Amino acid sequence: MLVNSHTFDDAGVYRLDRHRALVQTVDFFTPIVDDPFAYGQIAAANALSDVFAMGGRPVTALNIMGFPADLIPPKTITSILRGGHKKAAEVGCAIIGGHTIRNPEPIYGLAVTGIVDLRHMMTNGNARHGDLLVLTKPLGTGIATTAIKRGLCSRMLERKVISLMSKINSVGAKLAEKKLVRATIDITGFGLLGHLGSMCRASEVSAEIFSNRTPAIDDEVLALIARDCIPGGSRDNLKTANSIVDWRKTTSPPRVLLTDAQTSGGLLLAVAPSRLN
């Protein structure tokens, strides 16, 4: 075993031989958008991202699904599965089966197995003093999806956030194979600061963020925060962050954007300055 849960990495890694290792992860959640096909795509992209965050490439996946059989028609279930299959196929990952249960509310996701070349394996524990932080997707999916549920989100922002959440983080493997990144972590439910905190603890470093350079999906996200359209998870993350973050120089954007609970968010990369040239 090369990587387990002790460092709060995105996936477990188990050595197969001198050159290769298995990368394994599982992730699922309840619907965050109304469109079942889009929900399937987002859930699959979110699970597949964990393998890419380790520098690996997904090989096979198993569907994980639960639903109230008396409330959800077969057509909707099929659409969710089609969305997941499309995303897996996009990166050459074969869905080879799965398991379904009856559940009071719908859940869907994937258990994914990938392969990583040990020369290219990444973890969240190799960041170094002086590295620069690069975020591959803007923040605000938690705010936006809460607004969708409350009927406060514009159609433009809804389309934009669904497109972002459906985008797979395959760039993680590409950068690892080119040896351009020292450490990486997937930004999901604990928000940017929560996952950055895990990287700092695992790497035994601290980090400085210029908050005015932190990208939001759209200015509408900031307007929604001003209207108190904030999910509970993001508020909880902010409370946790208060114990580990020095906010004294923070000006903008709102602090809660930095702790917003992301779904299928981007990768946070620790990159040596020379590699950005």
C-alpha atoms as a PDB file:
ATOM      1  CA  MET A   1       0.000   0.000   0.000  1.00  0.00           C
ATOM      2  CA  LEU A   2       1.505   3.324  -1.102  1.00  0.00           C
ATOM      3  CA  VAL A   3      -1.291   5.769  -0.248  1.00  0.00           C
ATOM      4  CA  ASN A   4      -4.150   5.307   2.217  1.00  0.00           C
ATOM      5  CA  SER A   5      -6.566   7.551   4.089  1.00  0.00           C
ATOM      6  CA  HIS A   6      -3.994   8.965   6.517  1.00  0.00           C
ATOM      7  CA  THR A   7      -3.058  11.897   4.264  1.00  0.00           C
ATOM      8  CA  PHE A   8      -6.628  12.596   3.070  1.00  0.00           C
ATOM      9  CA  ASP A   9      -5.559  12.012  -0.522  1.00  0.00           C
ATOM     10  CA  ASP A  10      -8.161  11.603  -3.242  1.00  0.00           C
ATOM     11  CA  ALA A  11      -7.681   7.859  -3.796  1.00  0.00           C
ATOM     12  CA  GLY A  12      -5.870   4.836  -2.429  1.00  0.00           C
ATOM     13  CA  VAL A  13      -2.826   3.507  -4.260  1.00  0.00           C
ATOM     14  CA  TYR A  14      -1.635  -0.117  -4.166  1.00  0.00           C
ATOM     15  CA  ARG A  15       1.594  -1.227  -5.835  1.00  0.00           C
ATOM     16  CA  LEU A  16       1.249  -3.984  -8.458  1.00  0.00           C
ATOM     17  CA  ASP A  17       4.881  -4.322  -9.509  1.00  0.00           C
ATOM     18  CA  ARG A  18       8.026  -2.239  -9.891  1.00  0.00           C
ATOM     19  CA  HIS A  19       6.423   0.138 -12.371  1.00  0.00           C
ATOM     20  CA  ARG A  20       2.661   0.271 -11.820  1.00  0.00           C
ATOM     21  CA  ALA A  21       0.068   0.680  -9.097  1.00  0.00           C
ATOM     22  CA  LEU A  22      -3.696   0.463  -8.771  1.00  0.00           C
ATOM     23  CA  VAL A  23      -5.561   3.685  -7.973  1.00  0.00           C
ATOM     24  CA  GLN A  24      -8.964   3.115  -6.345  1.00  0.00           C
ATOM     25  CA  THR A  25     -11.735   5.463  -5.270  1.00  0.00           C
ATOM     26  CA  VAL A  26     -15.493   5.634  -4.731  1.00  0.00           C
ATOM     27  CA  ASP A  27     -17.823   8.641  -4.755  1.00  0.00           C
ATOM     28  CA  PHE A  28     -21.568   9.233  -5.037  1.00  0.00           C
ATOM     29  CA  PHE A  29     -24.121  11.868  -4.031  1.00  0.00           C
ATOM     30  CA  THR A  30     -27.755  12.919  -4.313  1.00  0.00           C
ATOM     31  CA  PRO A  31     -28.979  14.981  -7.318  1.00  0.00           C
ATOM     32  CA  ILE A  32     -27.813  18.579  -7.472  1.00  0.00           C
ATOM     33  CA  VAL A  33     -29.482  19.429 -10.808  1.00  0.00           C
ATOM     34  CA  ASP A  34     -32.900  18.518 -12.220  1.00  0.00           C
ATOM     35  CA  ASP A  35     -31.707  17.012 -15.523  1.00  0.00           C
ATOM     36  CA  PRO A  36     -31.032  13.275 -14.880  1.00  0.00           C
ATOM     37  CA  PHE A  37     -28.557  12.953 -17.756  1.00  0.00           C
ATOM     38  CA  ALA A  38     -26.558  15.949 -16.491  1.00  0.00           C
ATOM     39  CA  TYR A  39     -26.691  14.519 -12.956  1.00  0.00           C
ATOM     40  CA  GLY A  40     -25.178  11.264 -14.223  1.00  0.00           C
ATOM     41  CA  GLN A  41     -22.443  13.127 -16.055  1.00  0.00           C
ATOM     42  CA  ILE A  42     -21.543  15.267 -13.047  1.00  0.00           C
ATOM     43  CA  ALA A  43     -21.485  12.339 -10.614  1.00  0.00           C
ATOM     44  CA  ALA A  44     -19.262  10.307 -12.945  1.00  0.00           C
ATOM     45  CA  ALA A  45     -16.894  13.219 -13.652  1.00  0.00           C
ATOM     46  CA  ASN A  46     -16.598  13.807  -9.907  1.00  0.00           C
ATOM     47  CA  ALA A  47     -15.618  10.193  -9.191  1.00  0.00           C
ATOM     48  CA  LEU A  48     -13.228   9.888 -12.139  1.00  0.00           C
ATOM     49  CA  SER A  49     -11.445  13.057 -11.049  1.00  0.00           C
ATOM     50  CA  ASP A  50     -10.008  11.322  -7.972  1.00  0.00           C
ATOM     51  CA  VAL A  51      -7.926   8.994 -10.147  1.00  0.00           C
ATOM     52  CA  PHE A  52      -6.654  11.831 -12.319  1.00  0.00           C
ATOM     53  CA  ALA A  53      -5.702  13.765  -9.178  1.00  0.00           C
ATOM     54  CA  MET A  54      -3.256  10.983  -8.344  1.00  0.00           C
ATOM     55  CA  GLY A  55      -1.692  11.124 -11.809  1.00  0.00           C
ATOM     56  CA  GLY A  56      -3.459   7.917 -12.878  1.00  0.00           C
ATOM     57  CA  ARG A  57      -5.867   7.013 -15.642  1.00  0.00           C
ATOM     58  CA  PRO A  58      -9.209   5.276 -14.996  1.00  0.00           C
ATOM     59  CA  VAL A  59      -9.549   1.779 -16.447  1.00  0.00           C
ATOM     60  CA  THR A  60     -12.815   0.341 -15.079  1.00  0.00           C
ATOM     61  CA  ALA A  61     -15.731   1.559 -12.989  1.00  0.00           C
ATOM     62  CA  LEU A  62     -18.777   0.151 -11.214  1.00  0.00           C
ATOM     63  CA  ASN A  63     -22.068   2.022 -11.000  1.00  0.00           C
ATOM     64  CA  ILE A  64     -23.418   2.737  -7.509  1.00  0.00           C
ATOM     65  CA  MET A  65     -27.090   3.647  -7.487  1.00  0.00           C
ATOM     66  CA  GLY A  66     -29.951   3.915  -5.019  1.00  0.00           C
ATOM     67  CA  PHE A  67     -33.440   5.234  -5.698  1.00  0.00           C
ATOM     68  CA  PRO A  68     -37.047   5.122  -4.471  1.00  0.00           C
ATOM     69  CA  ALA A  69     -38.529   2.631  -6.912  1.00  0.00           C
ATOM     70  CA  ASP A  70     -42.071   3.938  -6.432  1.00  0.00           C
ATOM     71  CA  LEU A  71     -41.155   7.532  -7.321  1.00  0.00           C
ATOM     72  CA  ILE A  72     -38.557   7.391 -10.093  1.00  0.00           C
ATOM     73  CA  PRO A  73     -39.487   5.871 -13.471  1.00  0.00           C
ATOM     74  CA  PRO A  74     -37.107   3.544 -15.346  1.00  0.00           C
ATOM     75  CA  LYS A  75     -36.635   6.199 -18.047  1.00  0.00           C
ATOM     76  CA  THR A  76     -35.079   8.576 -15.511  1.00  0.00           C
ATOM     77  CA  ILE A  77     -32.793   5.873 -14.116  1.00  0.00           C
ATOM     78  CA  THR A  78     -31.657   4.982 -17.628  1.00  0.00           C
ATOM     79  CA  SER A  79     -30.900   8.620 -18.345  1.00  0.00           C
ATOM     80  CA  ILE A  80     -28.722   8.919 -15.218  1.00  0.00           C
ATOM     81  CA  LEU A  81     -26.781   5.805 -16.188  1.00  0.00           C
ATOM     82  CA  ARG A  82     -26.382   7.042 -19.764  1.00  0.00           C
ATOM     83  CA  GLY A  83     -24.880  10.286 -18.464  1.00  0.00           C
ATOM     84  CA  GLY A  84     -22.377   8.377 -16.332  1.00  0.00           C
ATOM     85  CA  HIS A  85     -21.502   6.029 -19.192  1.00  0.00           C
ATOM     86  CA  LYS A  86     -20.870   8.941 -21.555  1.00  0.00           C
ATOM     87  CA  LYS A  87     -18.370  10.552 -19.190  1.00  0.00           C
ATOM     88  CA  ALA A  88     -16.554   7.287 -18.494  1.00  0.00           C
ATOM     89  CA  ALA A  89     -16.324   6.517 -22.206  1.00  0.00           C
ATOM     90  CA  GLU A  90     -14.897   9.994 -22.808  1.00  0.00           C
ATOM     91  CA  VAL A  91     -11.710   8.993 -20.980  1.00  0.00           C
ATOM     92  CA  GLY A  92     -11.602   5.341 -22.053  1.00  0.00           C
ATOM     93  CA  CYS A  93     -12.954   3.945 -18.784  1.00  0.00           C
ATOM     94  CA  ALA A  94     -15.170   0.842 -19.096  1.00  0.00           C
ATOM     95  CA  ILE A  95     -18.208   0.563 -16.813  1.00  0.00           C
ATOM     96  CA  ILE A  96     -18.324  -3.173 -16.154  1.00  0.00           C
ATOM     97  CA  GLY A  97     -21.244  -3.504 -13.732  1.00  0.00           C
ATOM     98  CA  GLY A  98     -22.438  -2.118 -10.460  1.00  0.00           C
ATOM     99  CA  HIS A  99     -24.994  -2.407  -7.706  1.00  0.00           C
ATOM    100  CA  THR A 100     -28.424  -0.883  -7.114  1.00  0.00           C
ATOM    101  CA  ILE A 101     -30.474  -0.608  -3.936  1.00  0.00           C
ATOM    102  CA  ARG A 102     -33.787   0.896  -2.945  1.00  0.00           C
ATOM    103  CA  ASN A 103     -33.206   4.174  -1.146  1.00  0.00           C
ATOM    104  CA  PRO A 104     -35.473   6.979   0.127  1.00  0.00           C
ATOM    105  CA  GLU A 105     -33.706   9.471  -2.162  1.00  0.00           C
ATOM    106  CA  PRO A 106     -31.676   9.006  -5.338  1.00  0.00           C
ATOM    107  CA  ILE A 107     -27.929   8.494  -5.150  1.00  0.00           C
ATOM    108  CA  TYR A 108     -25.523   7.827  -7.989  1.00  0.00           C
ATOM    109  CA  GLY A 109     -21.784   7.594  -8.448  1.00  0.00           C
ATOM    110  CA  LEU A 110     -18.920   5.304  -9.381  1.00  0.00           C
ATOM    111  CA  ALA A 111     -16.333   3.053  -7.804  1.00  0.00           C
ATOM    112  CA  VAL A 112     -13.325   3.586 -10.069  1.00  0.00           C
ATOM    113  CA  THR A 113     -10.137   1.595 -10.581  1.00  0.00           C
ATOM    114  CA  GLY A 114      -7.223   3.165 -12.423  1.00  0.00           C
ATOM    115  CA  ILE A 115      -3.581   2.529 -13.169  1.00  0.00           C
ATOM    116  CA  VAL A 116      -0.675   4.869 -12.487  1.00  0.00           C
ATOM    117  CA  ASP A 117       2.940   4.685 -13.559  1.00  0.00           C
ATOM    118  CA  LEU A 118       4.915   5.004 -10.322  1.00  0.00           C
ATOM    119  CA  ARG A 119       7.193   7.581 -11.956  1.00  0.00           C
ATOM    120  CA  HIS A 120       4.172   9.847 -12.441  1.00  0.00           C
ATOM    121  CA  MET A 121       2.181   9.221  -9.256  1.00  0.00           C
ATOM    122  CA  MET A 122       1.083  12.393  -7.463  1.00  0.00           C
ATOM    123  CA  THR A 123      -0.129  12.898  -3.913  1.00  0.00           C
ATOM    124  CA  ASN A 124      -1.063  15.924  -1.836  1.00  0.00           C
ATOM    125  CA  GLY A 125       2.075  15.503   0.289  1.00  0.00           C
ATOM    126  CA  ASN A 126       4.846  16.764  -1.985  1.00  0.00           C
ATOM    127  CA  ALA A 127       4.250  20.537  -2.065  1.00  0.00           C
ATOM    128  CA  ARG A 128       7.381  22.566  -1.324  1.00  0.00           C
ATOM    129  CA  HIS A 129       8.181  26.028   0.024  1.00  0.00           C
ATOM    130  CA  GLY A 130       8.018  28.525  -2.853  1.00  0.00           C
ATOM    131  CA  ASP A 131       5.646  26.491  -5.026  1.00  0.00           C
ATOM    132  CA  LEU A 132       2.858  28.363  -6.780  1.00  0.00           C
ATOM    133  CA  LEU A 133      -0.767  27.275  -6.479  1.00  0.00           C
ATOM    134  CA  VAL A 134      -2.820  26.768  -9.645  1.00  0.00           C
ATOM    135  CA  LEU A 135      -6.581  26.097  -9.632  1.00  0.00           C
ATOM    136  CA  THR A 136      -7.995  24.452 -12.762  1.00  0.00           C
ATOM    137  CA  LYS A 137     -11.664  25.428 -12.266  1.00  0.00           C
ATOM    138  CA  PRO A 138     -13.268  28.547 -10.759  1.00  0.00           C
ATOM    139  CA  LEU A 139     -15.157  28.363  -7.464  1.00  0.00           C
ATOM    140  CA  GLY A 140     -18.833  28.635  -6.639  1.00  0.00           C
ATOM    141  CA  THR A 141     -20.601  25.415  -7.605  1.00  0.00           C
ATOM    142  CA  GLY A 142     -22.047  25.026  -4.106  1.00  0.00           C
ATOM    143  CA  ILE A 143     -23.496  28.533  -4.203  1.00  0.00           C
ATOM    144  CA  ALA A 144     -24.830  28.070  -7.742  1.00  0.00           C
ATOM    145  CA  THR A 145     -26.442  24.670  -7.166  1.00  0.00           C
ATOM    146  CA  THR A 146     -28.095  25.982  -4.004  1.00  0.00           C
ATOM    147  CA  ALA A 147     -29.474  28.827  -6.101  1.00  0.00           C
ATOM    148  CA  ILE A 148     -30.766  26.310  -8.664  1.00  0.00           C
ATOM    149  CA  LYS A 149     -32.643  24.449  -5.920  1.00  0.00           C
ATOM    150  CA  ARG A 150     -34.117  27.717  -4.599  1.00  0.00           C
ATOM    151  CA  GLY A 151     -35.111  28.999  -8.040  1.00  0.00           C
ATOM    152  CA  LEU A 152     -32.719  31.951  -7.766  1.00  0.00           C
ATOM    153  CA  CYS A 153     -30.204  30.983 -10.465  1.00  0.00           C
ATOM    154  CA  SER A 154     -30.237  32.507 -13.946  1.00  0.00           C
ATOM    155  CA  ARG A 155     -30.422  30.112 -16.865  1.00  0.00           C
ATOM    156  CA  MET A 156     -27.021  31.351 -18.057  1.00  0.00           C
ATOM    157  CA  LEU A 157     -25.305  30.539 -14.748  1.00  0.00           C
ATOM    158  CA  GLU A 158     -27.073  27.171 -14.555  1.00  0.00           C
ATOM    159  CA  ARG A 159     -25.742  26.176 -17.984  1.00  0.00           C
ATOM    160  CA  LYS A 160     -22.261  27.406 -17.091  1.00  0.00           C
ATOM    161  CA  VAL A 161     -22.070  25.545 -13.774  1.00  0.00           C
ATOM    162  CA  ILE A 162     -23.411  22.278 -15.261  1.00  0.00           C
ATOM    163  CA  SER A 163     -20.795  22.478 -18.001  1.00  0.00           C
ATOM    164  CA  LEU A 164     -18.022  23.056 -15.449  1.00  0.00           C
ATOM    165  CA  MET A 165     -19.116  20.228 -13.156  1.00  0.00           C
ATOM    166  CA  SER A 166     -19.364  17.852 -16.134  1.00  0.00           C
ATOM    167  CA  LYS A 167     -15.786  18.577 -17.189  1.00  0.00           C
ATOM    168  CA  ILE A 168     -13.409  15.767 -16.254  1.00  0.00           C
ATOM    169  CA  ASN A 169     -10.056  16.648 -14.679  1.00  0.00           C
ATOM    170  CA  SER A 170      -8.003  14.531 -17.084  1.00  0.00           C
ATOM    171  CA  VAL A 171      -5.449  17.355 -17.122  1.00  0.00           C
ATOM    172  CA  GLY A 172      -4.134  15.888 -13.850  1.00  0.00           C
ATOM    173  CA  ALA A 173      -2.769  12.799 -15.567  1.00  0.00           C
ATOM    174  CA  LYS A 174      -1.413  14.803 -18.506  1.00  0.00           C
ATOM    175  CA  LEU A 175       0.526  17.142 -16.242  1.00  0.00           C
ATOM    176  CA  ALA A 176       1.798  14.270 -14.101  1.00  0.00           C
ATOM    177  CA  GLU A 177       3.072  12.397 -17.141  1.00  0.00           C
ATOM    178  CA  LYS A 178       4.979  15.519 -18.191  1.00  0.00           C
ATOM    179  CA  LYS A 179       6.311  15.920 -14.640  1.00  0.00           C
ATOM    180  CA  LEU A 180       5.096  19.513 -14.449  1.00  0.00           C
ATOM    181  CA  VAL A 181       3.388  19.320 -11.033  1.00  0.00           C
ATOM    182  CA  ARG A 182       4.749  18.492  -7.581  1.00  0.00           C
ATOM    183  CA  ALA A 183       1.493  17.899  -5.667  1.00  0.00           C
ATOM    184  CA  THR A 184      -2.210  17.993  -6.364  1.00  0.00           C
ATOM    185  CA  ILE A 185      -5.567  17.654  -4.659  1.00  0.00           C
ATOM    186  CA  ASP A 186      -9.155  17.598  -5.908  1.00  0.00           C
ATOM    187  CA  ILE A 187     -11.328  20.480  -4.651  1.00  0.00           C
ATOM    188  CA  THR A 188     -14.693  19.067  -3.563  1.00  0.00           C
ATOM    189  CA  GLY A 189     -16.822  19.108  -0.429  1.00  0.00           C
ATOM    190  CA  PHE A 190     -14.385  20.779   1.984  1.00  0.00           C
ATOM    191  CA  GLY A 191     -13.849  23.757  -0.303  1.00  0.00           C
ATOM    192  CA  LEU A 192     -10.596  25.338  -1.454  1.00  0.00           C
ATOM    193  CA  LEU A 193      -9.315  26.104   2.039  1.00  0.00           C
ATOM    194  CA  GLY A 194     -10.257  22.730   3.485  1.00  0.00           C
ATOM    195  CA  HIS A 195      -8.457  20.775   0.789  1.00  0.00           C
ATOM    196  CA  LEU A 196      -5.524  23.178   0.737  1.00  0.00           C
ATOM    197  CA  GLY A 197      -5.279  22.611   4.491  1.00  0.00           C
ATOM    198  CA  SER A 198      -4.967  18.868   3.851  1.00  0.00           C
ATOM    199  CA  MET A 199      -2.198  19.505   1.321  1.00  0.00           C
ATOM    200  CA  CYS A 200      -0.358  21.764   3.761  1.00  0.00           C
ATOM    201  CA  ARG A 201      -0.571  19.232   6.599  1.00  0.00           C
ATOM    202  CA  ALA A 202       0.561  16.345   4.384  1.00  0.00           C
ATOM    203  CA  SER A 203       3.418  18.418   2.908  1.00  0.00           C
ATOM    204  CA  GLU A 204       4.346  20.136   6.215  1.00  0.00           C
ATOM    205  CA  VAL A 205       4.123  23.609   4.687  1.00  0.00           C
ATOM    206  CA  SER A 206       1.861  26.651   4.982  1.00  0.00           C
ATOM    207  CA  ALA A 207       0.264  28.578   2.119  1.00  0.00           C
ATOM    208  CA  GLU A 208      -0.654  32.137   1.230  1.00  0.00           C
ATOM    209  CA  ILE A 209      -3.616  32.905  -1.019  1.00  0.00           C
ATOM    210  CA  PHE A 210      -4.215  36.224  -2.713  1.00  0.00           C
ATOM    211  CA  SER A 211      -7.963  36.239  -2.295  1.00  0.00           C
ATOM    212  CA  ASN A 212      -8.573  38.861  -4.983  1.00  0.00           C
ATOM    213  CA  ARG A 213      -7.028  36.468  -7.516  1.00  0.00           C
ATOM    214  CA  THR A 214      -9.317  33.595  -6.564  1.00  0.00           C
ATOM    215  CA  PRO A 215     -11.664  33.019  -9.513  1.00  0.00           C
ATOM    216  CA  ALA A 216     -15.445  32.774  -9.171  1.00  0.00           C
ATOM    217  CA  ILE A 217     -17.533  31.075 -11.841  1.00  0.00           C
ATOM    218  CA  ASP A 218     -19.401  34.303 -12.514  1.00  0.00           C
ATOM    219  CA  ASP A 219     -20.148  37.641 -10.821  1.00  0.00           C
ATOM    220  CA  GLU A 220     -23.643  36.262 -10.255  1.00  0.00           C
ATOM    221  CA  VAL A 221     -22.144  33.880  -7.679  1.00  0.00           C
ATOM    222  CA  LEU A 222     -20.944  36.862  -5.641  1.00  0.00           C
ATOM    223  CA  ALA A 223     -24.389  38.450  -5.906  1.00  0.00           C
ATOM    224  CA  LEU A 224     -25.965  35.215  -4.649  1.00  0.00           C
ATOM    225  CA  ILE A 225     -23.629  35.204  -1.640  1.00  0.00           C
ATOM    226  CA  ALA A 226     -24.769  38.757  -0.875  1.00  0.00           C
ATOM    227  CA  ARG A 227     -28.345  37.400  -0.901  1.00  0.00           C
ATOM    228  CA  ASP A 228     -27.307  34.739   1.648  1.00  0.00           C
ATOM    229  CA  CYS A 229     -27.705  31.905  -0.863  1.00  0.00           C
ATOM    230  CA  ILE A 230     -25.095  29.728   0.844  1.00  0.00           C
ATOM    231  CA  PRO A 231     -25.240  25.947   1.433  1.00  0.00           C
ATOM    232  CA  GLY A 232     -24.833  24.619   4.956  1.00  0.00           C
ATOM    233  CA  GLY A 233     -21.675  22.724   4.041  1.00  0.00           C
ATOM    234  CA  SER A 234     -19.963  25.920   2.921  1.00  0.00           C
ATOM    235  CA  ARG A 235     -20.895  27.639   6.203  1.00  0.00           C
ATOM    236  CA  ASP A 236     -19.511  24.683   8.170  1.00  0.00           C
ATOM    237  CA  ASN A 237     -16.293  24.816   6.135  1.00  0.00           C
ATOM    238  CA  LEU A 238     -15.949  28.512   6.960  1.00  0.00           C
ATOM    239  CA  LYS A 239     -16.238  27.794  10.690  1.00  0.00           C
ATOM    240  CA  THR A 240     -13.512  25.168  10.392  1.00  0.00           C
ATOM    241  CA  ALA A 241     -11.304  27.472   8.327  1.00  0.00           C
ATOM    242  CA  ASN A 242     -11.484  30.181  10.985  1.00  0.00           C
ATOM    243  CA  SER A 243      -9.283  28.036  13.228  1.00  0.00           C
ATOM    244  CA  ILE A 244      -6.492  27.600  10.670  1.00  0.00           C
ATOM    245  CA  VAL A 245      -6.603  30.743   8.508  1.00  0.00           C
ATOM    246  CA  ASP A 246      -5.281  34.244   9.170  1.00  0.00           C
ATOM    247  CA  TRP A 247      -7.915  36.447   7.520  1.00  0.00           C
ATOM    248  CA  ARG A 248      -6.445  39.812   8.506  1.00  0.00           C
ATOM    249  CA  LYS A 249      -5.380  40.865   4.993  1.00  0.00           C
ATOM    250  CA  THR A 250      -8.438  39.438   3.246  1.00  0.00           C
ATOM    251  CA  THR A 251     -10.375  41.984   1.218  1.00  0.00           C
ATOM    252  CA  SER A 252     -12.340  40.275  -1.543  1.00  0.00           C
ATOM    253  CA  PRO A 253     -14.050  38.049  -2.606  1.00  0.00           C
ATOM    254  CA  PRO A 254     -16.328  37.015   0.313  1.00  0.00           C
ATOM    255  CA  ARG A 255     -14.593  34.508   2.586  1.00  0.00           C
ATOM    256  CA  VAL A 256     -17.283  31.890   2.060  1.00  0.00           C
ATOM    257  CA  LEU A 257     -16.313  31.587  -1.620  1.00  0.00           C
ATOM    258  CA  LEU A 258     -12.969  30.183  -0.449  1.00  0.00           C
ATOM    259  CA  THR A 259     -14.788  27.569   1.646  1.00  0.00           C
ATOM    260  CA  ASP A 260     -17.655  26.864  -0.754  1.00  0.00           C
ATOM    261  CA  ALA A 261     -18.337  23.128  -0.936  1.00  0.00           C
ATOM    262  CA  GLN A 262     -17.602  22.179  -4.543  1.00  0.00           C
ATOM    263  CA  THR A 263     -19.100  19.357  -6.554  1.00  0.00           C
ATOM    264  CA  SER A 264     -16.794  18.048  -9.287  1.00  0.00           C
ATOM    265  CA  GLY A 265     -14.508  21.009  -8.700  1.00  0.00           C
ATOM    266  CA  GLY A 266     -11.082  21.625 -10.140  1.00  0.00           C
ATOM    267  CA  LEU A 267      -7.652  20.397  -9.175  1.00  0.00           C
ATOM    268  CA  LEU A 268      -5.386  22.458  -6.954  1.00  0.00           C
ATOM    269  CA  LEU A 269      -1.815  22.092  -8.190  1.00  0.00           C
ATOM    270  CA  ALA A 270       1.443  22.908  -6.417  1.00  0.00           C
ATOM    271  CA  VAL A 271       3.869  23.872  -9.159  1.00  0.00           C
ATOM    272  CA  ALA A 272       7.506  24.907  -9.013  1.00  0.00           C
ATOM    273  CA  PRO A 273       7.841  28.472 -10.420  1.00  0.00           C
ATOM    274  CA  SER A 274      10.213  27.283 -13.134  1.00  0.00           C
ATOM    275  CA  ARG A 275       7.530  24.954 -14.473  1.00  0.00           C
ATOM    276  CA  LEU A 276       5.139  27.828 -15.243  1.00  0.00           C
ATOM    277  CA  ASN A 277       7.504  29.444 -17.743  1.00  0.00           C
END
